[in-house]
N, C-alpha and C. Protein backbone atom coordinates (compact mmCIF):
# COMPACT_ATOMS: atom_id res chain seq x y z
N UNK A 1 -23.53 3.94 4.27
CA UNK A 1 -23.27 3.47 5.62
C UNK A 1 -22.31 2.29 5.57
N UNK A 2 -21.45 2.21 6.55
CA UNK A 2 -20.47 1.13 6.61
C UNK A 2 -21.13 -0.20 6.92
N UNK A 3 -20.53 -1.28 6.43
CA UNK A 3 -21.02 -2.62 6.72
C UNK A 3 -20.83 -2.91 8.21
N UNK A 4 -21.70 -3.76 8.81
CA UNK A 4 -21.58 -4.06 10.24
C UNK A 4 -20.21 -4.54 10.66
N UNK A 5 -19.53 -5.38 9.85
CA UNK A 5 -18.20 -5.87 10.21
C UNK A 5 -17.21 -4.71 10.28
N UNK A 6 -17.35 -3.75 9.38
CA UNK A 6 -16.48 -2.58 9.38
C UNK A 6 -16.70 -1.74 10.62
N UNK A 7 -17.95 -1.62 11.06
CA UNK A 7 -18.26 -0.82 12.25
C UNK A 7 -17.63 -1.39 13.50
N UNK A 8 -17.33 -2.69 13.51
CA UNK A 8 -16.73 -3.31 14.69
C UNK A 8 -15.24 -2.97 14.82
N UNK A 9 -14.64 -2.41 13.78
CA UNK A 9 -13.21 -2.07 13.82
C UNK A 9 -12.98 -0.84 14.67
N UNK A 10 -11.81 -0.73 15.30
CA UNK A 10 -11.47 0.50 16.01
C UNK A 10 -11.52 1.71 15.05
N UNK A 11 -11.85 2.87 15.58
CA UNK A 11 -12.04 4.07 14.77
C UNK A 11 -10.83 4.35 13.88
N UNK A 12 -9.62 4.32 14.45
CA UNK A 12 -8.42 4.63 13.65
C UNK A 12 -8.25 3.63 12.51
N UNK A 13 -8.56 2.37 12.75
CA UNK A 13 -8.45 1.36 11.70
C UNK A 13 -9.47 1.62 10.60
N UNK A 14 -10.72 1.93 10.99
CA UNK A 14 -11.75 2.25 9.99
C UNK A 14 -11.33 3.42 9.13
N UNK A 15 -10.79 4.47 9.76
CA UNK A 15 -10.38 5.65 9.00
C UNK A 15 -9.25 5.32 8.02
N UNK A 16 -8.28 4.54 8.46
CA UNK A 16 -7.16 4.17 7.60
C UNK A 16 -7.64 3.35 6.40
N UNK A 17 -8.51 2.38 6.65
CA UNK A 17 -8.98 1.50 5.59
C UNK A 17 -9.92 2.20 4.61
N UNK A 18 -10.66 3.18 5.06
CA UNK A 18 -11.62 3.86 4.20
C UNK A 18 -11.03 5.04 3.43
N UNK A 19 -9.88 5.51 3.85
CA UNK A 19 -9.30 6.72 3.25
C UNK A 19 -8.82 6.47 1.82
N UNK A 20 -9.05 7.48 0.97
CA UNK A 20 -8.49 7.43 -0.38
C UNK A 20 -7.33 8.41 -0.52
N UNK A 21 -6.74 8.76 0.62
CA UNK A 21 -5.56 9.63 0.63
C UNK A 21 -4.31 8.84 0.96
N UNK A 22 -3.25 9.53 1.30
CA UNK A 22 -1.96 8.90 1.57
C UNK A 22 -2.02 8.06 2.85
N UNK A 23 -1.84 6.77 2.69
CA UNK A 23 -1.81 5.87 3.83
C UNK A 23 -0.62 6.19 4.73
N UNK A 24 0.51 6.54 4.13
CA UNK A 24 1.71 6.86 4.92
C UNK A 24 1.45 8.05 5.84
N UNK A 25 0.83 9.09 5.32
CA UNK A 25 0.53 10.28 6.14
C UNK A 25 -0.40 9.89 7.29
N UNK A 26 -1.39 9.07 7.01
CA UNK A 26 -2.31 8.63 8.07
C UNK A 26 -1.59 7.79 9.12
N UNK A 27 -0.73 6.86 8.67
CA UNK A 27 0.03 6.05 9.62
C UNK A 27 0.95 6.91 10.47
N UNK A 28 1.61 7.88 9.84
CA UNK A 28 2.50 8.77 10.60
C UNK A 28 1.70 9.59 11.61
N UNK A 29 0.52 10.01 11.25
CA UNK A 29 -0.33 10.76 12.18
C UNK A 29 -0.77 9.86 13.34
N UNK A 30 -1.15 8.64 13.03
CA UNK A 30 -1.58 7.67 14.04
C UNK A 30 -0.46 7.36 15.02
N UNK A 31 0.76 7.20 14.51
CA UNK A 31 1.91 6.82 15.34
C UNK A 31 2.66 8.00 15.92
N UNK A 32 2.47 9.19 15.35
CA UNK A 32 3.23 10.36 15.79
C UNK A 32 4.70 10.26 15.43
N UNK A 33 5.02 9.56 14.34
CA UNK A 33 6.40 9.34 13.92
C UNK A 33 6.49 9.35 12.41
N UNK A 34 7.67 9.71 11.89
CA UNK A 34 7.92 9.62 10.45
C UNK A 34 8.25 8.18 10.10
N UNK A 35 7.91 7.82 8.88
CA UNK A 35 8.20 6.48 8.38
C UNK A 35 9.08 6.57 7.15
N UNK A 36 9.84 5.52 6.92
CA UNK A 36 10.60 5.40 5.69
C UNK A 36 10.29 4.04 5.07
N UNK A 37 10.70 3.87 3.83
CA UNK A 37 10.42 2.62 3.14
C UNK A 37 11.71 1.85 2.95
N UNK A 38 11.60 0.54 3.06
CA UNK A 38 12.72 -0.36 2.79
C UNK A 38 12.22 -1.42 1.80
N UNK A 39 12.85 -1.49 0.66
CA UNK A 39 12.44 -2.43 -0.39
C UNK A 39 13.19 -3.73 -0.20
N UNK A 40 12.44 -4.83 -0.10
CA UNK A 40 13.07 -6.14 0.07
C UNK A 40 13.26 -6.86 -1.27
N UNK A 41 12.40 -6.58 -2.23
CA UNK A 41 12.51 -7.21 -3.55
C UNK A 41 11.82 -6.31 -4.56
N UNK A 42 12.50 -6.07 -5.66
CA UNK A 42 11.90 -5.34 -6.77
C UNK A 42 12.44 -5.93 -8.04
N UNK A 43 11.54 -6.41 -8.90
CA UNK A 43 11.97 -7.03 -10.14
C UNK A 43 10.88 -6.96 -11.19
N UNK A 44 11.28 -7.14 -12.43
CA UNK A 44 10.32 -7.20 -13.53
C UNK A 44 9.86 -8.65 -13.66
N UNK A 45 8.56 -8.80 -13.87
CA UNK A 45 7.99 -10.13 -14.05
C UNK A 45 6.97 -10.08 -15.18
N UNK A 46 6.75 -11.23 -15.78
CA UNK A 46 5.66 -11.34 -16.74
C UNK A 46 4.34 -11.15 -16.01
N UNK A 47 3.39 -10.54 -16.67
CA UNK A 47 2.11 -10.24 -16.02
C UNK A 47 1.46 -11.48 -15.43
N UNK A 48 1.70 -12.63 -16.03
CA UNK A 48 1.12 -13.87 -15.51
C UNK A 48 1.62 -14.23 -14.12
N UNK A 49 2.75 -13.65 -13.70
CA UNK A 49 3.30 -13.92 -12.37
C UNK A 49 2.81 -12.92 -11.33
N UNK A 50 2.16 -11.85 -11.76
CA UNK A 50 1.67 -10.82 -10.84
C UNK A 50 0.29 -11.21 -10.33
N UNK A 51 -0.11 -10.66 -9.18
CA UNK A 51 -1.44 -10.98 -8.65
C UNK A 51 -2.55 -10.60 -9.64
N UNK A 52 -3.54 -11.46 -9.83
CA UNK A 52 -4.62 -11.18 -10.78
C UNK A 52 -5.35 -9.86 -10.50
N UNK A 53 -5.54 -9.52 -9.22
CA UNK A 53 -6.22 -8.26 -8.88
C UNK A 53 -5.41 -7.07 -9.36
N UNK A 54 -4.09 -7.14 -9.28
CA UNK A 54 -3.23 -6.05 -9.76
C UNK A 54 -3.40 -5.89 -11.27
N UNK A 55 -3.34 -6.99 -11.99
CA UNK A 55 -3.46 -6.93 -13.45
C UNK A 55 -4.82 -6.41 -13.86
N UNK A 56 -5.87 -6.88 -13.21
CA UNK A 56 -7.23 -6.44 -13.55
C UNK A 56 -7.38 -4.94 -13.30
N UNK A 57 -6.90 -4.46 -12.16
CA UNK A 57 -7.07 -3.04 -11.83
C UNK A 57 -6.21 -2.15 -12.73
N UNK A 58 -5.08 -2.66 -13.20
CA UNK A 58 -4.23 -1.91 -14.11
C UNK A 58 -4.65 -2.06 -15.57
N UNK A 59 -5.59 -2.98 -15.83
CA UNK A 59 -6.06 -3.21 -17.19
C UNK A 59 -5.02 -3.87 -18.08
N UNK A 60 -4.22 -4.76 -17.51
CA UNK A 60 -3.14 -5.40 -18.25
C UNK A 60 -3.47 -6.84 -18.58
N UNK A 61 -2.96 -7.29 -19.70
CA UNK A 61 -3.11 -8.67 -20.12
C UNK A 61 -1.84 -9.45 -19.90
N UNK A 62 -1.86 -10.73 -20.19
CA UNK A 62 -0.71 -11.60 -19.93
C UNK A 62 0.53 -11.26 -20.77
N UNK A 63 0.37 -10.49 -21.83
CA UNK A 63 1.52 -10.15 -22.68
C UNK A 63 2.37 -9.02 -22.10
N UNK A 64 1.92 -8.38 -21.05
CA UNK A 64 2.65 -7.25 -20.45
C UNK A 64 3.73 -7.71 -19.47
N UNK A 65 4.66 -6.81 -19.22
CA UNK A 65 5.67 -6.99 -18.19
C UNK A 65 5.43 -5.90 -17.15
N UNK A 66 5.55 -6.26 -15.88
CA UNK A 66 5.32 -5.29 -14.80
C UNK A 66 6.50 -5.31 -13.83
N UNK A 67 6.58 -4.25 -13.04
CA UNK A 67 7.52 -4.21 -11.94
C UNK A 67 6.75 -4.60 -10.69
N UNK A 68 7.26 -5.57 -9.96
CA UNK A 68 6.66 -6.01 -8.70
C UNK A 68 7.62 -5.59 -7.59
N UNK A 69 7.12 -4.77 -6.69
CA UNK A 69 7.94 -4.17 -5.63
C UNK A 69 7.39 -4.58 -4.27
N UNK A 70 8.18 -5.27 -3.48
CA UNK A 70 7.81 -5.67 -2.13
C UNK A 70 8.60 -4.79 -1.16
N UNK A 71 7.88 -4.15 -0.25
CA UNK A 71 8.55 -3.23 0.66
C UNK A 71 7.87 -3.23 2.02
N UNK A 72 8.51 -2.57 2.96
CA UNK A 72 7.93 -2.36 4.29
C UNK A 72 8.07 -0.87 4.63
N UNK A 73 7.10 -0.36 5.36
CA UNK A 73 7.24 0.96 5.97
C UNK A 73 7.75 0.73 7.37
N UNK A 74 8.80 1.46 7.74
CA UNK A 74 9.44 1.25 9.04
C UNK A 74 9.58 2.57 9.80
N UNK A 75 9.60 2.44 11.13
CA UNK A 75 9.87 3.59 11.99
C UNK A 75 11.38 3.82 12.04
N UNK A 76 11.79 4.89 12.70
CA UNK A 76 13.21 5.15 12.86
C UNK A 76 13.89 4.10 13.75
N UNK A 77 13.09 3.34 14.52
CA UNK A 77 13.60 2.23 15.33
C UNK A 77 13.57 0.90 14.56
N UNK A 78 13.28 0.97 13.26
CA UNK A 78 13.22 -0.19 12.38
C UNK A 78 12.07 -1.15 12.72
N UNK A 79 11.01 -0.62 13.31
CA UNK A 79 9.80 -1.42 13.54
C UNK A 79 8.98 -1.41 12.25
N UNK A 80 8.60 -2.58 11.78
CA UNK A 80 7.81 -2.69 10.56
C UNK A 80 6.36 -2.36 10.89
N UNK A 81 5.80 -1.39 10.18
CA UNK A 81 4.42 -0.94 10.39
C UNK A 81 3.50 -1.53 9.33
N UNK A 82 4.00 -1.65 8.10
CA UNK A 82 3.19 -2.25 7.03
C UNK A 82 4.08 -3.01 6.06
N UNK A 83 3.46 -3.99 5.42
CA UNK A 83 4.12 -4.76 4.35
C UNK A 83 3.34 -4.44 3.08
N UNK A 84 4.07 -4.08 2.03
CA UNK A 84 3.42 -3.52 0.85
C UNK A 84 3.85 -4.23 -0.43
N UNK A 85 2.91 -4.30 -1.34
CA UNK A 85 3.17 -4.75 -2.69
C UNK A 85 2.71 -3.64 -3.61
N UNK A 86 3.61 -3.19 -4.49
CA UNK A 86 3.26 -2.19 -5.51
C UNK A 86 3.57 -2.82 -6.86
N UNK A 87 2.61 -2.74 -7.78
CA UNK A 87 2.78 -3.28 -9.13
C UNK A 87 2.54 -2.15 -10.12
N UNK A 88 3.46 -1.99 -11.08
CA UNK A 88 3.32 -0.92 -12.08
C UNK A 88 4.11 -1.29 -13.32
N UNK A 89 3.81 -0.62 -14.42
CA UNK A 89 4.57 -0.86 -15.65
C UNK A 89 5.70 0.14 -15.79
N UNK A 90 5.47 1.39 -15.36
CA UNK A 90 6.49 2.45 -15.40
C UNK A 90 6.19 3.41 -14.25
N UNK A 91 7.22 3.95 -13.62
CA UNK A 91 6.98 4.88 -12.52
C UNK A 91 6.40 6.20 -13.03
N UNK A 92 5.57 6.84 -12.21
CA UNK A 92 5.05 8.15 -12.61
C UNK A 92 6.14 9.21 -12.56
N UNK A 93 5.91 10.30 -13.28
CA UNK A 93 6.83 11.43 -13.24
C UNK A 93 6.97 11.87 -11.78
N UNK A 94 8.16 12.16 -11.36
CA UNK A 94 8.38 12.60 -9.99
C UNK A 94 8.82 11.50 -9.05
N UNK A 95 8.80 10.24 -9.52
CA UNK A 95 9.25 9.12 -8.69
C UNK A 95 10.10 8.22 -9.57
N UNK A 96 11.32 7.97 -9.16
CA UNK A 96 12.22 7.17 -9.98
C UNK A 96 11.82 5.70 -10.00
N UNK A 97 11.15 5.25 -8.95
CA UNK A 97 10.85 3.83 -8.85
C UNK A 97 12.05 3.03 -8.41
N UNK A 98 13.13 3.71 -8.02
CA UNK A 98 14.35 3.03 -7.60
C UNK A 98 14.16 2.31 -6.27
N UNK A 99 14.68 1.11 -6.18
CA UNK A 99 14.54 0.30 -4.97
C UNK A 99 15.27 0.88 -3.78
N UNK A 100 16.26 1.74 -4.00
CA UNK A 100 17.02 2.29 -2.87
C UNK A 100 16.50 3.64 -2.38
N UNK A 101 15.37 4.10 -2.90
CA UNK A 101 14.77 5.36 -2.46
C UNK A 101 14.01 5.09 -1.16
N UNK A 102 14.46 5.68 -0.03
CA UNK A 102 13.87 5.43 1.28
C UNK A 102 12.66 6.32 1.57
N UNK A 103 12.31 7.21 0.65
CA UNK A 103 11.15 8.08 0.84
C UNK A 103 9.90 7.31 0.39
N UNK A 104 8.89 7.20 1.26
CA UNK A 104 7.66 6.50 0.85
C UNK A 104 7.05 7.10 -0.42
N UNK A 105 6.43 6.26 -1.22
CA UNK A 105 5.86 6.64 -2.50
C UNK A 105 4.93 7.85 -2.37
N UNK A 106 4.00 7.83 -1.42
CA UNK A 106 3.06 8.93 -1.26
C UNK A 106 3.76 10.25 -0.99
N UNK A 107 4.78 10.23 -0.15
CA UNK A 107 5.55 11.45 0.11
C UNK A 107 6.27 11.92 -1.15
N UNK A 108 6.86 10.98 -1.87
CA UNK A 108 7.60 11.34 -3.08
C UNK A 108 6.66 11.99 -4.10
N UNK A 109 5.49 11.41 -4.30
CA UNK A 109 4.53 11.97 -5.25
C UNK A 109 4.06 13.35 -4.81
N UNK A 110 3.79 13.50 -3.52
CA UNK A 110 3.36 14.80 -3.00
C UNK A 110 4.47 15.84 -3.11
N UNK A 111 5.69 15.47 -2.75
CA UNK A 111 6.82 16.40 -2.78
C UNK A 111 7.15 16.88 -4.18
N UNK A 112 6.87 16.05 -5.19
CA UNK A 112 7.15 16.44 -6.57
C UNK A 112 5.91 17.01 -7.26
N UNK A 113 4.86 17.26 -6.47
CA UNK A 113 3.61 17.87 -6.97
C UNK A 113 2.94 17.05 -8.07
N UNK A 114 3.09 15.73 -7.99
CA UNK A 114 2.43 14.84 -8.94
C UNK A 114 0.96 14.73 -8.56
N UNK A 115 0.09 15.18 -9.46
CA UNK A 115 -1.34 15.05 -9.21
C UNK A 115 -1.71 13.58 -9.29
N UNK A 116 -2.57 13.14 -8.36
CA UNK A 116 -2.90 11.73 -8.29
C UNK A 116 -4.30 11.53 -7.72
N UNK A 117 -4.86 10.41 -8.04
CA UNK A 117 -6.16 10.01 -7.49
C UNK A 117 -6.02 8.56 -7.04
N UNK A 118 -6.53 8.28 -5.86
CA UNK A 118 -6.49 6.91 -5.34
C UNK A 118 -7.91 6.36 -5.30
N UNK A 119 -8.07 5.18 -5.86
CA UNK A 119 -9.37 4.52 -5.85
C UNK A 119 -9.25 3.24 -5.02
N UNK A 120 -9.99 3.21 -3.93
CA UNK A 120 -9.98 2.05 -3.05
C UNK A 120 -10.59 0.86 -3.78
N UNK A 121 -9.87 -0.26 -3.79
CA UNK A 121 -10.34 -1.47 -4.43
C UNK A 121 -10.91 -2.46 -3.42
N UNK A 122 -10.40 -2.43 -2.20
CA UNK A 122 -10.88 -3.35 -1.18
C UNK A 122 -10.11 -3.18 0.11
N UNK A 123 -10.70 -3.72 1.17
CA UNK A 123 -10.05 -3.72 2.48
C UNK A 123 -10.68 -4.82 3.30
N UNK A 124 -10.02 -5.18 4.38
CA UNK A 124 -10.54 -6.23 5.24
C UNK A 124 -9.44 -6.82 6.09
N UNK A 125 -9.48 -8.15 6.28
CA UNK A 125 -8.47 -8.81 7.08
C UNK A 125 -7.64 -9.75 6.22
N UNK A 126 -6.40 -9.87 6.60
CA UNK A 126 -5.43 -10.71 5.91
C UNK A 126 -4.60 -11.37 7.02
N UNK A 127 -3.42 -11.86 6.71
CA UNK A 127 -2.53 -12.47 7.70
C UNK A 127 -1.24 -11.68 7.76
N UNK A 128 -0.75 -11.46 8.98
CA UNK A 128 0.50 -10.73 9.20
C UNK A 128 1.62 -11.73 9.42
N UNK A 129 2.65 -11.67 8.58
CA UNK A 129 3.79 -12.56 8.79
C UNK A 129 4.83 -11.83 9.64
N UNK A 130 5.61 -12.47 10.42
CA UNK A 130 5.83 -13.91 10.44
C UNK A 130 4.92 -14.66 11.42
N UNK A 131 4.08 -13.94 12.19
CA UNK A 131 3.28 -14.57 13.24
C UNK A 131 1.96 -15.17 12.76
N UNK A 132 1.57 -14.88 11.54
CA UNK A 132 0.32 -15.35 10.95
C UNK A 132 -0.90 -14.87 11.75
N UNK A 133 -0.77 -13.71 12.40
CA UNK A 133 -1.91 -13.10 13.11
C UNK A 133 -2.83 -12.43 12.10
N UNK A 134 -4.11 -12.30 12.45
CA UNK A 134 -4.99 -11.50 11.59
C UNK A 134 -4.52 -10.05 11.58
N UNK A 135 -4.61 -9.41 10.42
CA UNK A 135 -4.24 -8.01 10.30
C UNK A 135 -5.19 -7.33 9.32
N UNK A 136 -5.21 -6.03 9.36
CA UNK A 136 -6.00 -5.24 8.42
C UNK A 136 -5.19 -5.06 7.13
N UNK A 137 -5.91 -4.96 6.02
CA UNK A 137 -5.26 -4.67 4.74
C UNK A 137 -6.14 -3.73 3.94
N UNK A 138 -5.53 -3.08 2.98
CA UNK A 138 -6.28 -2.32 1.98
C UNK A 138 -5.53 -2.40 0.67
N UNK A 139 -6.27 -2.28 -0.41
CA UNK A 139 -5.66 -2.24 -1.73
C UNK A 139 -6.33 -1.15 -2.53
N UNK A 140 -5.52 -0.49 -3.34
CA UNK A 140 -6.05 0.63 -4.11
C UNK A 140 -5.22 0.84 -5.37
N UNK A 141 -5.77 1.67 -6.25
CA UNK A 141 -5.11 2.02 -7.50
C UNK A 141 -4.78 3.51 -7.44
N UNK A 142 -3.52 3.85 -7.70
CA UNK A 142 -3.11 5.25 -7.81
C UNK A 142 -3.02 5.59 -9.30
N UNK A 143 -3.79 6.58 -9.72
CA UNK A 143 -3.72 7.08 -11.09
C UNK A 143 -3.09 8.46 -11.05
N UNK A 144 -2.01 8.65 -11.80
CA UNK A 144 -1.27 9.91 -11.80
C UNK A 144 -1.59 10.72 -13.05
N UNK A 145 -1.33 12.03 -12.96
CA UNK A 145 -1.67 12.94 -14.05
C UNK A 145 -0.91 12.65 -15.34
N UNK A 146 0.20 11.93 -15.27
CA UNK A 146 0.95 11.60 -16.49
C UNK A 146 0.50 10.28 -17.12
N UNK A 147 -0.56 9.69 -16.56
CA UNK A 147 -1.09 8.44 -17.09
C UNK A 147 -0.57 7.19 -16.40
N UNK A 148 0.46 7.32 -15.58
CA UNK A 148 0.99 6.16 -14.86
C UNK A 148 -0.04 5.70 -13.83
N UNK A 149 -0.10 4.38 -13.65
CA UNK A 149 -0.99 3.80 -12.65
C UNK A 149 -0.23 2.76 -11.85
N UNK A 150 -0.52 2.72 -10.55
CA UNK A 150 0.15 1.79 -9.64
C UNK A 150 -0.89 1.08 -8.80
N UNK A 151 -0.76 -0.22 -8.72
CA UNK A 151 -1.59 -1.03 -7.82
C UNK A 151 -0.84 -1.17 -6.51
N UNK A 152 -1.55 -0.95 -5.38
CA UNK A 152 -0.92 -1.02 -4.06
C UNK A 152 -1.75 -1.93 -3.16
N UNK A 153 -1.09 -2.89 -2.51
CA UNK A 153 -1.72 -3.75 -1.50
C UNK A 153 -0.89 -3.61 -0.23
N UNK A 154 -1.53 -3.19 0.86
CA UNK A 154 -0.83 -2.95 2.13
C UNK A 154 -1.45 -3.78 3.24
N UNK A 155 -0.60 -4.43 4.01
CA UNK A 155 -1.02 -5.14 5.23
C UNK A 155 -0.40 -4.41 6.41
N UNK A 156 -1.16 -4.26 7.49
CA UNK A 156 -0.72 -3.44 8.62
C UNK A 156 -0.49 -4.29 9.86
N UNK A 157 0.65 -4.02 10.52
CA UNK A 157 0.98 -4.72 11.76
C UNK A 157 -0.13 -4.45 12.77
N UNK A 158 -0.74 -5.51 13.31
CA UNK A 158 -1.86 -5.32 14.24
C UNK A 158 -1.47 -4.61 15.55
N UNK A 159 -0.19 -4.50 15.85
CA UNK A 159 0.21 -3.72 17.02
C UNK A 159 -0.06 -2.24 16.80
N UNK A 160 0.00 -1.80 15.55
CA UNK A 160 -0.18 -0.39 15.23
C UNK A 160 -1.57 -0.08 14.65
N UNK A 161 -2.14 -1.03 13.92
CA UNK A 161 -3.46 -0.88 13.33
C UNK A 161 -4.29 -2.06 13.84
N UNK A 162 -4.94 -1.87 14.99
CA UNK A 162 -5.58 -2.99 15.67
C UNK A 162 -6.86 -3.48 15.01
N UNK A 163 -7.12 -4.75 15.25
CA UNK A 163 -8.38 -5.40 14.90
C UNK A 163 -9.07 -5.81 16.18
N UNK A 164 -10.39 -6.03 16.15
CA UNK A 164 -11.05 -6.55 17.36
C UNK A 164 -10.50 -7.93 17.73
N UNK A 165 -10.56 -8.26 18.97
CA UNK A 165 -10.05 -9.56 19.45
C UNK A 165 -10.75 -10.74 18.79
N UNK A 166 -11.97 -10.55 18.31
CA UNK A 166 -12.77 -11.66 17.78
C UNK A 166 -12.48 -12.00 16.33
N UNK A 167 -11.59 -11.24 15.66
CA UNK A 167 -11.31 -11.51 14.24
C UNK A 167 -10.46 -12.74 14.09
């Protein structure tokens, strides 16, 4: 059974946060629109510079180097729906990991028939920039059939993924 705080969330928000499937597909279904990805920053960093939760979920130590990718999912009108952080050591087969690829990761993996499993690590409330409003977030680990693993942290624009007024 869901925790009482989770039950207070709107149904669509609860479904999005609890799902272990493609967040992009769920967002597109919720909005009735296709989304694309725009990468704002992608670079290699020492593991010590990456978020501790990402390193722990990927099973990496401080001696590793990771790719840290900051992106947004946007509508065709360039409205930002989510702000995303993806951390990985190497891209899975079927996804180049290129910063200029406008196809969302979940779509790319599905389109290339990459078998994958998503394990939800957490969800709740965070802050939406630039307004610093409360927003919903989720984080999960994608494990692919070729052994590649990706940590994903997504924050959702509260206009599209609402929270109760009391949060």
